Amino acid sequence: MRGKPQAFAGLEEFVADRGDALLATAILLAGGRDAGQDLLQAAIERAMRRWHTIDGDPEGYVRRILYHLAVDSWRRRSRRPEVLTAVDTEAVPDATATLDLRDALIRALAQLPPKQRAVLVLRFFEHLTEAEAAERLGCSIGTVKSATSRGLARLRELTNDWAAERPRTTNGARA
């Protein structure tokens, strides 16, 4: 890597290896592809400032930046409603019903408070343990547990009538 500062050694390989996984998380946290790309870019820019000092797992460091930037963004926008973009159907070749469900879930997640949304993304989309989620968010395990419980309860409230809204097929079964 001729001409690149030594301070950024390994950054390009890291982004090439883990960029897609980080982008998937950013999209979930931000509520759309474009906003997710912006969020990931901001997180990588922030990580670049301290890249030469990162000890151990750079992915964990960047993910923690992602979560904190997302929560900060939600707090700034808390007084005005969030506008989510539609799910990018070209990027995900999938059945229409599954895309509709994903879109509805993203919209339901957007209605949760910032910490609850971050905890649910970490626990159920990133498959982290309570301890790992607490470490990433810089809070206690008890905070993760209570935010998970409250977030899931609120999601249940928001999605309670989904089964009733699903259209029936010609034979009377639910689609």
C-alpha atoms as a PDB file:
ATOM      1  CA  MET A   1       0.000   0.000   0.000  1.00  0.00           C
ATOM      2  CA  ARG A   2       2.339   2.596  -1.252  1.00  0.00           C
ATOM      3  CA  GLY A   3       1.477   6.187  -0.459  1.00  0.00           C
ATOM      4  CA  LYS A   4      -1.035   5.360   2.284  1.00  0.00           C
ATOM      5  CA  PRO A   5      -0.276   6.404   5.832  1.00  0.00           C
ATOM      6  CA  GLN A   6       0.766   3.579   8.150  1.00  0.00           C
ATOM      7  CA  ALA A   7      -1.921   4.743  10.593  1.00  0.00           C
ATOM      8  CA  PHE A   8      -4.597   3.201   8.327  1.00  0.00           C
ATOM      9  CA  ALA A   9      -2.906  -0.166   7.812  1.00  0.00           C
ATOM     10  CA  GLY A  10      -5.527  -2.893   7.558  1.00  0.00           C
ATOM     11  CA  LEU A  11      -8.503  -0.535   7.249  1.00  0.00           C
ATOM     12  CA  GLU A  12      -9.116  -1.258   3.574  1.00  0.00           C
ATOM     13  CA  GLU A  13      -9.043  -5.029   4.164  1.00  0.00           C
ATOM     14  CA  PHE A  14     -11.317  -4.683   7.178  1.00  0.00           C
ATOM     15  CA  VAL A  15     -13.936  -2.746   5.195  1.00  0.00           C
ATOM     16  CA  ALA A  16     -13.690  -5.215   2.296  1.00  0.00           C
ATOM     17  CA  ASP A  17     -14.137  -8.211   4.634  1.00  0.00           C
ATOM     18  CA  ARG A  18     -16.785  -6.887   7.040  1.00  0.00           C
ATOM     19  CA  GLY A  19     -18.414  -4.034   5.119  1.00  0.00           C
ATOM     20  CA  ASP A  20     -21.483  -5.991   3.978  1.00  0.00           C
ATOM     21  CA  ALA A  21     -22.285  -7.232   7.490  1.00  0.00           C
ATOM     22  CA  LEU A  22     -21.791  -3.749   8.915  1.00  0.00           C
ATOM     23  CA  LEU A  23     -24.009  -2.271   6.198  1.00  0.00           C
ATOM     24  CA  ALA A  24     -26.806  -4.745   6.971  1.00  0.00           C
ATOM     25  CA  THR A  25     -26.753  -3.649  10.606  1.00  0.00           C
ATOM     26  CA  ALA A  26     -26.601   0.028   9.649  1.00  0.00           C
ATOM     27  CA  ILE A  27     -29.637  -0.376   7.370  1.00  0.00           C
ATOM     28  CA  LEU A  28     -31.629  -1.917  10.223  1.00  0.00           C
ATOM     29  CA  LEU A  29     -30.573   0.796  12.645  1.00  0.00           C
ATOM     30  CA  ALA A  30     -31.215   3.656  10.218  1.00  0.00           C
ATOM     31  CA  GLY A  31     -34.422   2.316   8.698  1.00  0.00           C
ATOM     32  CA  GLY A  32     -33.367   2.323   5.044  1.00  0.00           C
ATOM     33  CA  ARG A  33     -30.545   1.622   2.614  1.00  0.00           C
ATOM     34  CA  ASP A  34     -29.477   5.214   1.926  1.00  0.00           C
ATOM     35  CA  ALA A  35     -29.618   6.219   5.575  1.00  0.00           C
ATOM     36  CA  GLY A  36     -27.752   3.012   6.489  1.00  0.00           C
ATOM     37  CA  GLN A  37     -24.986   3.788   4.014  1.00  0.00           C
ATOM     38  CA  ASP A  38     -24.668   7.283   5.471  1.00  0.00           C
ATOM     39  CA  LEU A  39     -24.593   5.885   9.002  1.00  0.00           C
ATOM     40  CA  LEU A  40     -21.889   3.350   8.114  1.00  0.00           C
ATOM     41  CA  GLN A  41     -19.821   5.992   6.356  1.00  0.00           C
ATOM     42  CA  ALA A  42     -19.997   8.246   9.415  1.00  0.00           C
ATOM     43  CA  ALA A  43     -18.996   5.338  11.665  1.00  0.00           C
ATOM     44  CA  ILE A  44     -16.001   4.432   9.490  1.00  0.00           C
ATOM     45  CA  GLU A  45     -14.930   8.072   9.338  1.00  0.00           C
ATOM     46  CA  ARG A  46     -15.057   8.260  13.115  1.00  0.00           C
ATOM     47  CA  ALA A  47     -13.145   4.980  13.444  1.00  0.00           C
ATOM     48  CA  MET A  48     -10.468   6.271  11.052  1.00  0.00           C
ATOM     49  CA  ARG A  49      -9.617   9.050  13.510  1.00  0.00           C
ATOM     50  CA  ARG A  50      -8.562   6.429  16.078  1.00  0.00           C
ATOM     51  CA  TRP A  51      -7.690   3.516  13.755  1.00  0.00           C
ATOM     52  CA  HIS A  52      -4.047   3.378  14.844  1.00  0.00           C
ATOM     53  CA  THR A  53      -5.097   3.075  18.512  1.00  0.00           C
ATOM     54  CA  ILE A  54      -7.722   0.328  18.161  1.00  0.00           C
ATOM     55  CA  ASP A  55      -6.633  -2.680  20.178  1.00  0.00           C
ATOM     56  CA  GLY A  56      -8.178  -6.042  19.469  1.00  0.00           C
ATOM     57  CA  ASP A  57     -11.436  -6.284  17.545  1.00  0.00           C
ATOM     58  CA  PRO A  58     -11.937  -3.390  15.096  1.00  0.00           C
ATOM     59  CA  GLU A  59     -15.387  -4.698  14.151  1.00  0.00           C
ATOM     60  CA  GLY A  60     -16.642  -4.369  17.704  1.00  0.00           C
ATOM     61  CA  TYR A  61     -15.262  -0.837  17.833  1.00  0.00           C
ATOM     62  CA  VAL A  62     -16.977   0.163  14.572  1.00  0.00           C
ATOM     63  CA  ARG A  63     -20.254  -1.522  15.582  1.00  0.00           C
ATOM     64  CA  ARG A  64     -20.278   0.370  18.865  1.00  0.00           C
ATOM     65  CA  ILE A  65     -19.776   3.611  16.941  1.00  0.00           C
ATOM     66  CA  LEU A  66     -22.687   2.600  14.667  1.00  0.00           C
ATOM     67  CA  TYR A  67     -25.018   2.030  17.592  1.00  0.00           C
ATOM     68  CA  HIS A  68     -24.057   5.253  19.331  1.00  0.00           C
ATOM     69  CA  LEU A  69     -24.412   7.325  16.157  1.00  0.00           C
ATOM     70  CA  ALA A  70     -27.828   5.772  15.518  1.00  0.00           C
ATOM     71  CA  VAL A  71     -29.033   6.505  19.046  1.00  0.00           C
ATOM     72  CA  ASP A  72     -27.690  10.071  18.821  1.00  0.00           C
ATOM     73  CA  SER A  73     -29.524  10.524  15.525  1.00  0.00           C
ATOM     74  CA  TRP A  74     -32.784   9.205  16.976  1.00  0.00           C
ATOM     75  CA  ARG A  75     -32.491  11.555  19.932  1.00  0.00           C
ATOM     76  CA  ARG A  76     -31.966  14.548  17.633  1.00  0.00           C
ATOM     77  CA  ARG A  77     -35.025  13.601  15.600  1.00  0.00           C
ATOM     78  CA  SER A  78     -37.220  12.630  18.547  1.00  0.00           C
ATOM     79  CA  ARG A  79     -39.418  15.702  18.175  1.00  0.00           C
ATOM     80  CA  ARG A  80     -40.290  15.042  14.554  1.00  0.00           C
ATOM     81  CA  PRO A  81     -41.542  11.815  12.979  1.00  0.00           C
ATOM     82  CA  GLU A  82     -39.143   9.539  11.205  1.00  0.00           C
ATOM     83  CA  VAL A  83     -39.651   8.884   7.508  1.00  0.00           C
ATOM     84  CA  LEU A  84     -38.471   5.451   6.462  1.00  0.00           C
ATOM     85  CA  THR A  85     -37.680   4.499   2.919  1.00  0.00           C
ATOM     86  CA  ALA A  86     -39.255   1.517   1.267  1.00  0.00           C
ATOM     87  CA  VAL A  87     -37.407  -1.788   1.364  1.00  0.00           C
ATOM     88  CA  ASP A  88     -35.149  -2.083  -1.676  1.00  0.00           C
ATOM     89  CA  THR A  89     -36.868  -4.940  -3.522  1.00  0.00           C
ATOM     90  CA  GLU A  90     -34.222  -5.190  -6.241  1.00  0.00           C
ATOM     91  CA  ALA A  91     -31.415  -5.874  -3.761  1.00  0.00           C
ATOM     92  CA  VAL A  92     -33.328  -8.691  -2.011  1.00  0.00           C
ATOM     93  CA  PRO A  93     -34.874 -11.246  -4.358  1.00  0.00           C
ATOM     94  CA  ASP A  94     -37.634 -12.493  -2.083  1.00  0.00           C
ATOM     95  CA  ALA A  95     -41.354 -13.225  -1.970  1.00  0.00           C
ATOM     96  CA  THR A  96     -43.617 -10.194  -1.767  1.00  0.00           C
ATOM     97  CA  ALA A  97     -45.186 -11.287   1.506  1.00  0.00           C
ATOM     98  CA  THR A  98     -41.768 -11.577   3.147  1.00  0.00           C
ATOM     99  CA  LEU A  99     -40.781  -8.131   1.893  1.00  0.00           C
ATOM    100  CA  ASP A 100     -44.012  -6.676   3.214  1.00  0.00           C
ATOM    101  CA  LEU A 101     -43.371  -8.290   6.582  1.00  0.00           C
ATOM    102  CA  ARG A 102     -39.802  -6.946   6.689  1.00  0.00           C
ATOM    103  CA  ASP A 103     -41.018  -3.480   5.790  1.00  0.00           C
ATOM    104  CA  ALA A 104     -43.684  -3.617   8.496  1.00  0.00           C
ATOM    105  CA  LEU A 105     -41.129  -4.818  11.047  1.00  0.00           C
ATOM    106  CA  ILE A 106     -38.757  -1.977  10.172  1.00  0.00           C
ATOM    107  CA  ARG A 107     -41.634   0.477  10.561  1.00  0.00           C
ATOM    108  CA  ALA A 108     -42.546  -1.048  13.922  1.00  0.00           C
ATOM    109  CA  LEU A 109     -38.911  -0.839  15.065  1.00  0.00           C
ATOM    110  CA  ALA A 110     -38.887   2.837  14.078  1.00  0.00           C
ATOM    111  CA  GLN A 111     -41.658   3.479  16.611  1.00  0.00           C
ATOM    112  CA  LEU A 112     -39.550   2.206  19.522  1.00  0.00           C
ATOM    113  CA  PRO A 113     -37.410   4.463  21.706  1.00  0.00           C
ATOM    114  CA  PRO A 114     -33.740   4.615  20.620  1.00  0.00           C
ATOM    115  CA  LYS A 115     -32.246   2.355  23.292  1.00  0.00           C
ATOM    116  CA  GLN A 116     -34.946  -0.304  22.857  1.00  0.00           C
ATOM    117  CA  ARG A 117     -34.413  -0.348  19.102  1.00  0.00           C
ATOM    118  CA  ALA A 118     -30.628  -0.592  19.463  1.00  0.00           C
ATOM    119  CA  VAL A 119     -30.930  -3.420  22.008  1.00  0.00           C
ATOM    120  CA  LEU A 120     -33.363  -5.406  19.840  1.00  0.00           C
ATOM    121  CA  VAL A 121     -31.145  -5.023  16.769  1.00  0.00           C
ATOM    122  CA  LEU A 122     -28.109  -6.163  18.753  1.00  0.00           C
ATOM    123  CA  ARG A 123     -29.860  -9.093  20.426  1.00  0.00           C
ATOM    124  CA  PHE A 124     -32.037 -10.448  17.624  1.00  0.00           C
ATOM    125  CA  PHE A 125     -30.490  -9.280  14.348  1.00  0.00           C
ATOM    126  CA  GLU A 126     -26.843  -9.363  15.433  1.00  0.00           C
ATOM    127  CA  HIS A 127     -27.378 -12.417  17.712  1.00  0.00           C
ATOM    128  CA  LEU A 128     -25.354 -10.941  20.577  1.00  0.00           C
ATOM    129  CA  THR A 129     -25.678 -12.095  24.167  1.00  0.00           C
ATOM    130  CA  GLU A 130     -26.973  -9.726  26.820  1.00  0.00           C
ATOM    131  CA  ALA A 131     -23.418  -9.193  28.070  1.00  0.00           C
ATOM    132  CA  GLU A 132     -22.096  -8.465  24.557  1.00  0.00           C
ATOM    133  CA  ALA A 133     -24.927  -6.030  23.861  1.00  0.00           C
ATOM    134  CA  ALA A 134     -24.304  -4.271  27.187  1.00  0.00           C
ATOM    135  CA  GLU A 135     -20.619  -3.968  26.364  1.00  0.00           C
ATOM    136  CA  ARG A 136     -21.321  -2.566  22.884  1.00  0.00           C
ATOM    137  CA  LEU A 137     -23.793  -0.016  24.223  1.00  0.00           C
ATOM    138  CA  GLY A 138     -21.743   0.856  27.297  1.00  0.00           C
ATOM    139  CA  CYS A 139     -24.536   0.030  29.746  1.00  0.00           C
ATOM    140  CA  SER A 140     -25.347  -2.654  32.318  1.00  0.00           C
ATOM    141  CA  ILE A 141     -26.746  -6.093  31.558  1.00  0.00           C
ATOM    142  CA  GLY A 142     -29.834  -5.128  33.560  1.00  0.00           C
ATOM    143  CA  THR A 143     -30.419  -2.182  31.226  1.00  0.00           C
ATOM    144  CA  VAL A 144     -30.189  -4.523  28.229  1.00  0.00           C
ATOM    145  CA  LYS A 145     -32.634  -6.959  29.851  1.00  0.00           C
ATOM    146  CA  SER A 146     -35.199  -4.298  30.696  1.00  0.00           C
ATOM    147  CA  ALA A 147     -34.875  -2.580  27.290  1.00  0.00           C
ATOM    148  CA  THR A 148     -35.294  -5.967  25.584  1.00  0.00           C
ATOM    149  CA  SER A 149     -38.378  -6.803  27.638  1.00  0.00           C
ATOM    150  CA  ARG A 150     -39.994  -3.422  27.099  1.00  0.00           C
ATOM    151  CA  GLY A 151     -39.059  -3.338  23.406  1.00  0.00           C
ATOM    152  CA  LEU A 152     -40.506  -6.795  22.729  1.00  0.00           C
ATOM    153  CA  ALA A 153     -43.678  -5.926  24.647  1.00  0.00           C
ATOM    154  CA  ARG A 154     -44.098  -2.755  22.594  1.00  0.00           C
ATOM    155  CA  LEU A 155     -43.427  -4.650  19.326  1.00  0.00           C
ATOM    156  CA  ARG A 156     -46.117  -7.152  20.333  1.00  0.00           C
ATOM    157  CA  GLU A 157     -48.542  -4.266  20.849  1.00  0.00           C
ATOM    158  CA  LEU A 158     -47.640  -2.738  17.495  1.00  0.00           C
ATOM    159  CA  THR A 159     -47.889  -6.028  15.603  1.00  0.00           C
ATOM    160  CA  ASN A 160     -50.826  -7.556  17.471  1.00  0.00           C
ATOM    161  CA  ASP A 161     -53.298  -7.100  14.625  1.00  0.00           C
ATOM    162  CA  TRP A 162     -50.992  -8.157  11.767  1.00  0.00           C
ATOM    163  CA  ALA A 163     -52.546 -11.617  11.512  1.00  0.00           C
ATOM    164  CA  ALA A 164     -56.002 -10.075  11.107  1.00  0.00           C
ATOM    165  CA  GLU A 165     -54.753  -7.750   8.365  1.00  0.00           C
ATOM    166  CA  ARG A 166     -53.137 -10.461   6.224  1.00  0.00           C
ATOM    167  CA  PRO A 167     -55.213 -10.971   3.064  1.00  0.00           C
ATOM    168  CA  ARG A 168     -56.983 -14.240   2.417  1.00  0.00           C
ATOM    169  CA  THR A 169     -56.211 -16.261  -0.713  1.00  0.00           C
ATOM    170  CA  THR A 170     -58.898 -17.578  -3.053  1.00  0.00           C
ATOM    171  CA  ASN A 171     -59.231 -20.809  -1.039  1.00  0.00           C
ATOM    172  CA  GLY A 172     -59.824 -18.875   2.211  1.00  0.00           C
ATOM    173  CA  ALA A 173     -56.390 -19.456   3.744  1.00  0.00           C
ATOM    174  CA  ARG A 174     -54.304 -16.563   4.960  1.00  0.00           C
ATOM    175  CA  ALA A 175     -51.533 -15.513   2.576  1.00  0.00           C
END
